[in-house]
């Protein structure tokens, strides 16, 4: 049983719980309609099912995931109704046919293309704000040609800000999503952008690594930085403080805030660890 549990956990990794919840909501809606339930019950009860499921830790662990799970059924009903005029009954009306009635699946397919399942454990694609790293050179001094990595570069906004702050650096980005890697490479022709797993990437050759992760993944990033990066190199984190797995915070070399809200943390490997 202990050997099966990790496989089960991996098989049910996000976004599988979201998809299963949406399917369950639709199954309930169709069952209610088949039983002759009023339309309001066929809409409200499946929506409530999705909202309640979103509160379960097994289904969603962050606020954004809860929103995705809870909104899946009502949004699909709205899209299906706009396309076919059939509402929750699932019987398409008009020239579009059954294929048109399911056009709402297209955004989900695009989402999975842009943000493949393996990447859901990392941070969502939130861009680095313009001007976020303007103060970086006041605290970090790098030689010309120093290698700088944006780990999980998304659409390239972090690379653009790094280029503004460190124009003499050799900028590189690694991104698991093939779509966002292509977008980032197009937006940042002066950088080397690779498709790859930031967690499997080797950080030992870089003078500075930039991160925009989630609080849950910061301990993993700090462990990786401690193991792979050379003493005296730099790690920069937007918004989230560096902490070890036991919750101990690293001591920043510098910290500033964007508009009084989002902090930027600057750490020196080997000197910032608690």
Protein backbone atom coordinates (compact mmCIF):
# COMPACT_ATOMS: atom_id res chain seq x y z
CA UNK A 1 0.00 0.00 0.00
CA UNK A 2 2.87 2.37 0.80
CA UNK A 3 4.29 1.82 -2.69
CA UNK A 4 0.94 2.60 -4.34
CA UNK A 5 0.35 5.85 -2.46
CA UNK A 6 3.11 7.90 -4.21
CA UNK A 7 1.89 6.64 -7.60
CA UNK A 8 -1.68 7.59 -6.73
CA UNK A 9 -0.56 11.02 -5.54
CA UNK A 10 1.35 11.59 -8.77
CA UNK A 11 -1.55 10.38 -10.93
CA UNK A 12 -3.95 12.73 -9.16
CA UNK A 13 -1.63 15.71 -9.34
CA UNK A 14 -2.99 19.08 -10.39
CA UNK A 15 -4.95 19.80 -12.60
CA UNK A 16 -6.51 16.30 -12.53
CA UNK A 17 -8.60 17.10 -9.40
CA UNK A 18 -9.99 20.18 -11.17
CA UNK A 19 -10.98 18.20 -14.28
CA UNK A 20 -12.58 15.46 -12.17
CA UNK A 21 -14.56 18.07 -10.25
CA UNK A 22 -15.81 19.68 -13.46
CA UNK A 23 -16.85 16.27 -14.83
CA UNK A 24 -18.65 15.46 -11.59
CA UNK A 25 -20.53 18.76 -11.74
CA UNK A 26 -21.61 18.10 -15.33
CA UNK A 27 -22.63 14.53 -14.49
CA UNK A 28 -24.83 15.87 -11.67
CA UNK A 29 -26.33 18.50 -13.98
CA UNK A 30 -27.23 15.97 -16.66
CA UNK A 31 -28.63 13.56 -14.04
CA UNK A 32 -30.84 16.28 -12.59
CA UNK A 33 -32.13 17.29 -16.03
CA UNK A 34 -32.80 13.65 -16.92
CA UNK A 35 -34.78 13.29 -13.69
CA UNK A 36 -36.90 16.30 -14.59
CA UNK A 37 -35.42 18.67 -12.03
CA UNK A 38 -36.03 22.38 -12.64
CA UNK A 39 -33.38 24.30 -14.52
CA UNK A 40 -32.38 26.35 -11.48
CA UNK A 41 -31.58 23.16 -9.52
CA UNK A 42 -29.57 21.78 -12.45
CA UNK A 43 -27.46 24.93 -12.38
CA UNK A 44 -27.21 25.75 -8.68
CA UNK A 45 -26.50 22.29 -7.26
CA UNK A 46 -23.57 21.44 -9.62
CA UNK A 47 -22.16 24.92 -9.03
CA UNK A 48 -22.38 24.31 -5.29
CA UNK A 49 -20.69 20.94 -5.76
CA UNK A 50 -17.75 22.59 -7.50
CA UNK A 51 -17.51 25.33 -4.87
CA UNK A 52 -17.53 22.83 -2.00
CA UNK A 53 -14.98 20.59 -3.72
CA UNK A 54 -12.69 23.61 -4.21
CA UNK A 55 -12.41 23.92 -0.43
CA UNK A 56 -10.93 20.43 -0.06
CA UNK A 57 -7.11 20.35 0.29
CA UNK A 58 -7.03 17.26 -1.93
CA UNK A 59 -8.60 19.29 -4.76
CA UNK A 60 -7.04 22.74 -4.40
CA UNK A 61 -4.36 24.14 -2.10
CA UNK A 62 -4.14 27.77 -3.26
CA UNK A 63 -6.63 30.58 -3.77
CA UNK A 64 -6.14 30.63 -7.55
CA UNK A 65 -6.74 26.89 -7.83
CA UNK A 66 -9.92 27.19 -5.77
CA UNK A 67 -11.14 29.86 -8.17
CA UNK A 68 -10.38 27.65 -11.19
CA UNK A 69 -12.20 24.68 -9.67
CA UNK A 70 -15.25 26.62 -8.49
CA UNK A 71 -15.65 28.63 -11.71
CA UNK A 72 -15.19 25.73 -14.15
CA UNK A 73 -18.80 24.53 -14.30
CA UNK A 74 -20.63 27.91 -14.44
CA UNK A 75 -18.21 29.28 -17.03
CA UNK A 76 -18.60 26.20 -19.22
CA UNK A 77 -22.40 26.48 -18.95
CA UNK A 78 -22.21 30.13 -19.97
CA UNK A 79 -19.94 29.37 -22.92
CA UNK A 80 -22.07 26.43 -24.02
CA UNK A 81 -25.24 28.50 -23.79
CA UNK A 82 -23.73 31.37 -25.78
CA UNK A 83 -22.61 28.98 -28.50
CA UNK A 84 -25.62 26.73 -28.92
CA UNK A 85 -28.45 28.25 -26.96
CA UNK A 86 -28.94 24.84 -25.34
CA UNK A 87 -28.03 25.73 -21.77
CA UNK A 88 -27.28 22.95 -19.35
CA UNK A 89 -29.21 20.30 -21.25
CA UNK A 90 -26.23 19.72 -23.50
CA UNK A 91 -28.38 19.43 -26.65
CA UNK A 92 -26.93 21.85 -29.18
CA UNK A 93 -29.25 24.01 -31.18
CA UNK A 94 -28.38 25.78 -34.39
CA UNK A 95 -25.85 25.21 -37.13
CA UNK A 96 -22.86 24.84 -34.83
CA UNK A 97 -23.72 21.29 -33.82
CA UNK A 98 -22.14 19.34 -30.98
CA UNK A 99 -18.61 20.39 -31.83
CA UNK A 100 -19.48 24.07 -31.51
CA UNK A 101 -21.21 23.46 -28.19
CA UNK A 102 -17.93 22.29 -26.70
CA UNK A 103 -15.81 25.20 -27.87
CA UNK A 104 -15.32 26.16 -24.21
CA UNK A 105 -12.77 23.31 -24.03
CA UNK A 106 -10.48 25.25 -26.38
CA UNK A 107 -9.29 27.68 -23.66
CA UNK A 108 -8.54 24.69 -21.41
CA UNK A 109 -6.49 23.08 -24.19
CA UNK A 110 -4.62 26.36 -24.71
CA UNK A 111 -4.02 26.63 -20.96
CA UNK A 112 -2.53 23.13 -20.87
CA UNK A 113 -0.33 23.98 -23.86
CA UNK A 114 0.92 27.17 -22.25
CA UNK A 115 1.12 25.69 -18.77
CA UNK A 116 1.70 21.91 -18.99
CA UNK A 117 0.75 19.72 -16.07
CA UNK A 118 4.32 19.28 -14.86
CA UNK A 119 4.61 23.03 -14.38
CA UNK A 120 1.47 23.46 -12.23
CA UNK A 121 3.49 22.75 -9.10
CA UNK A 122 5.51 25.92 -9.74
CA UNK A 123 4.43 29.54 -9.85
CA UNK A 124 1.73 30.67 -12.29
CA UNK A 125 2.78 32.87 -15.20
CA UNK A 126 2.67 36.22 -13.44
CA UNK A 127 4.95 38.76 -15.14
CA UNK A 128 7.68 40.65 -13.35
CA UNK A 129 6.46 44.28 -13.06
CA UNK A 130 8.22 46.97 -15.03
CA UNK A 131 10.94 48.65 -12.98
CA UNK A 132 11.06 45.87 -10.40
CA UNK A 133 14.85 45.50 -10.52
CA UNK A 134 16.00 49.10 -11.05
CA UNK A 135 17.74 49.16 -7.65
CA UNK A 136 19.61 45.92 -8.25
CA UNK A 137 22.91 47.52 -9.29
CA UNK A 138 22.99 49.50 -6.04
CA UNK A 139 23.49 46.25 -4.15
CA UNK A 140 24.88 43.71 -6.64
CA UNK A 141 28.16 44.20 -8.52
CA UNK A 142 28.82 41.72 -11.32
CA UNK A 143 31.72 41.58 -13.78
CA UNK A 144 30.97 42.21 -17.44
CA UNK A 145 29.78 39.04 -19.13
CA UNK A 146 28.60 37.41 -15.90
CA UNK A 147 26.05 34.65 -16.47
CA UNK A 148 22.62 35.45 -15.02
CA UNK A 149 19.69 33.02 -15.01
CA UNK A 150 15.96 33.69 -14.87
CA UNK A 151 14.73 30.35 -13.50
CA UNK A 152 11.22 29.89 -14.85
CA UNK A 153 11.30 32.88 -17.20
CA UNK A 154 7.69 32.59 -18.41
CA UNK A 155 6.96 35.17 -21.12
CA UNK A 156 10.28 36.99 -20.64
CA UNK A 157 9.27 39.92 -18.41
CA UNK A 158 11.90 39.01 -15.82
CA UNK A 159 14.59 38.80 -18.50
CA UNK A 160 13.58 42.24 -19.79
CA UNK A 161 13.94 43.75 -16.32
CA UNK A 162 17.26 41.96 -15.78
CA UNK A 163 18.48 43.35 -19.11
CA UNK A 164 17.56 46.88 -18.02
CA UNK A 165 19.36 46.46 -14.70
CA UNK A 166 22.35 44.42 -15.92
CA UNK A 167 22.94 45.28 -19.60
CA UNK A 168 26.49 43.82 -19.59
CA UNK A 169 25.41 40.42 -18.25
CA UNK A 170 24.95 37.24 -20.30
CA UNK A 171 21.29 36.57 -19.67
CA UNK A 172 19.76 33.11 -19.86
CA UNK A 173 16.26 31.85 -19.22
CA UNK A 174 14.85 28.38 -18.68
CA UNK A 175 11.14 27.63 -19.05
CA UNK A 176 9.24 24.33 -19.09
CA UNK A 177 6.32 25.54 -21.23
CA UNK A 178 7.22 25.30 -24.93
CA UNK A 179 4.76 28.09 -25.76
CA UNK A 180 6.11 30.55 -23.19
CA UNK A 181 9.70 29.63 -24.08
CA UNK A 182 8.99 30.61 -27.70
CA UNK A 183 7.32 33.86 -26.59
CA UNK A 184 10.22 34.67 -24.27
CA UNK A 185 12.83 33.95 -26.95
CA UNK A 186 10.97 36.20 -29.41
CA UNK A 187 10.70 39.05 -26.87
CA UNK A 188 14.31 38.71 -25.65
CA UNK A 189 16.55 38.07 -28.69
CA UNK A 190 19.59 39.20 -26.69
CA UNK A 191 19.11 36.34 -24.19
CA UNK A 192 19.56 32.59 -24.46
CA UNK A 193 16.21 31.00 -23.66
CA UNK A 194 16.01 27.22 -23.28
CA UNK A 195 13.14 24.85 -22.71
CA UNK A 196 13.83 22.83 -19.61
CA UNK A 197 13.05 22.06 -16.00
CA UNK A 198 14.41 24.76 -13.70
CA UNK A 199 14.68 22.21 -10.91
CA UNK A 200 16.86 19.89 -13.02
CA UNK A 201 18.96 22.78 -14.34
CA UNK A 202 22.46 23.27 -12.94
CA UNK A 203 22.86 26.65 -11.23
CA UNK A 204 26.56 26.28 -10.46
CA UNK A 205 27.76 28.32 -13.46
CA UNK A 206 25.68 31.41 -12.73
CA UNK A 207 26.68 34.53 -10.84
CA UNK A 208 23.05 35.44 -10.16
CA UNK A 209 19.77 33.53 -10.26
CA UNK A 210 16.44 35.36 -10.35
CA UNK A 211 13.22 33.74 -9.08
CA UNK A 212 9.55 34.61 -8.99
CA UNK A 213 8.11 31.52 -7.32
CA UNK A 214 5.48 30.70 -4.69
CA UNK A 215 5.95 30.52 -0.91
CA UNK A 216 5.54 26.71 -1.09
CA UNK A 217 8.40 26.29 -3.57
CA UNK A 218 10.87 28.72 -1.97
CA UNK A 219 12.36 26.13 0.46
CA UNK A 220 13.08 23.84 -2.49
CA UNK A 221 14.73 26.71 -4.36
CA UNK A 222 16.83 27.63 -1.35
CA UNK A 223 17.99 24.05 -0.93
CA UNK A 224 18.97 23.96 -4.59
CA UNK A 225 20.83 27.28 -4.31
CA UNK A 226 22.70 26.10 -1.21
CA UNK A 227 23.76 22.87 -2.91
CA UNK A 228 24.67 24.18 -6.37
CA UNK A 229 25.56 27.86 -6.31
CA UNK A 230 29.05 29.01 -5.42
CA UNK A 231 29.63 31.02 -2.22
CA UNK A 232 29.43 34.72 -2.94
CA UNK A 233 27.01 34.42 -5.86
CA UNK A 234 23.62 36.08 -5.77
CA UNK A 235 19.99 34.98 -5.55
CA UNK A 236 17.19 37.48 -6.15
CA UNK A 237 13.55 36.71 -5.30
CA UNK A 238 10.54 38.81 -6.20
CA UNK A 239 7.83 39.02 -3.53
CA UNK A 240 8.66 35.91 -1.49
CA UNK A 241 11.24 35.65 1.28
CA UNK A 242 13.85 32.90 1.20
CA UNK A 243 13.17 30.21 3.80
CA UNK A 244 14.55 26.77 4.49
CA UNK A 245 12.33 23.71 4.77
CA UNK A 246 12.23 24.13 8.56
CA UNK A 247 10.92 27.69 8.19
CA UNK A 248 14.13 29.54 9.03
CA UNK A 249 14.50 32.75 7.01
CA UNK A 250 17.65 33.69 5.16
CA UNK A 251 19.17 37.08 5.94
CA UNK A 252 18.82 39.41 2.93
CA UNK A 253 21.63 41.65 1.77
CA UNK A 254 19.04 44.11 0.52
CA UNK A 255 15.27 44.52 0.28
CA UNK A 256 13.03 47.09 -1.39
CA UNK A 257 9.36 47.30 -2.27
CA UNK A 258 7.46 48.08 -5.45
CA UNK A 259 4.80 50.66 -4.70
CA UNK A 260 4.82 49.65 -1.05
CA UNK A 261 3.52 46.16 -1.87
CA UNK A 262 5.77 43.65 -3.63
CA UNK A 263 9.20 43.29 -2.03
CA UNK A 264 12.38 42.31 -3.86
CA UNK A 265 14.80 40.22 -1.79
CA UNK A 266 18.52 40.03 -2.54
CA UNK A 267 20.59 37.22 -0.99
CA UNK A 268 24.25 36.26 -1.14
CA UNK A 269 24.77 32.52 -1.19
CA UNK A 270 26.89 31.28 1.72
CA UNK A 271 26.42 34.53 3.65
CA UNK A 272 22.65 34.88 3.82
CA UNK A 273 21.68 31.47 5.15
CA UNK A 274 20.24 31.46 8.64
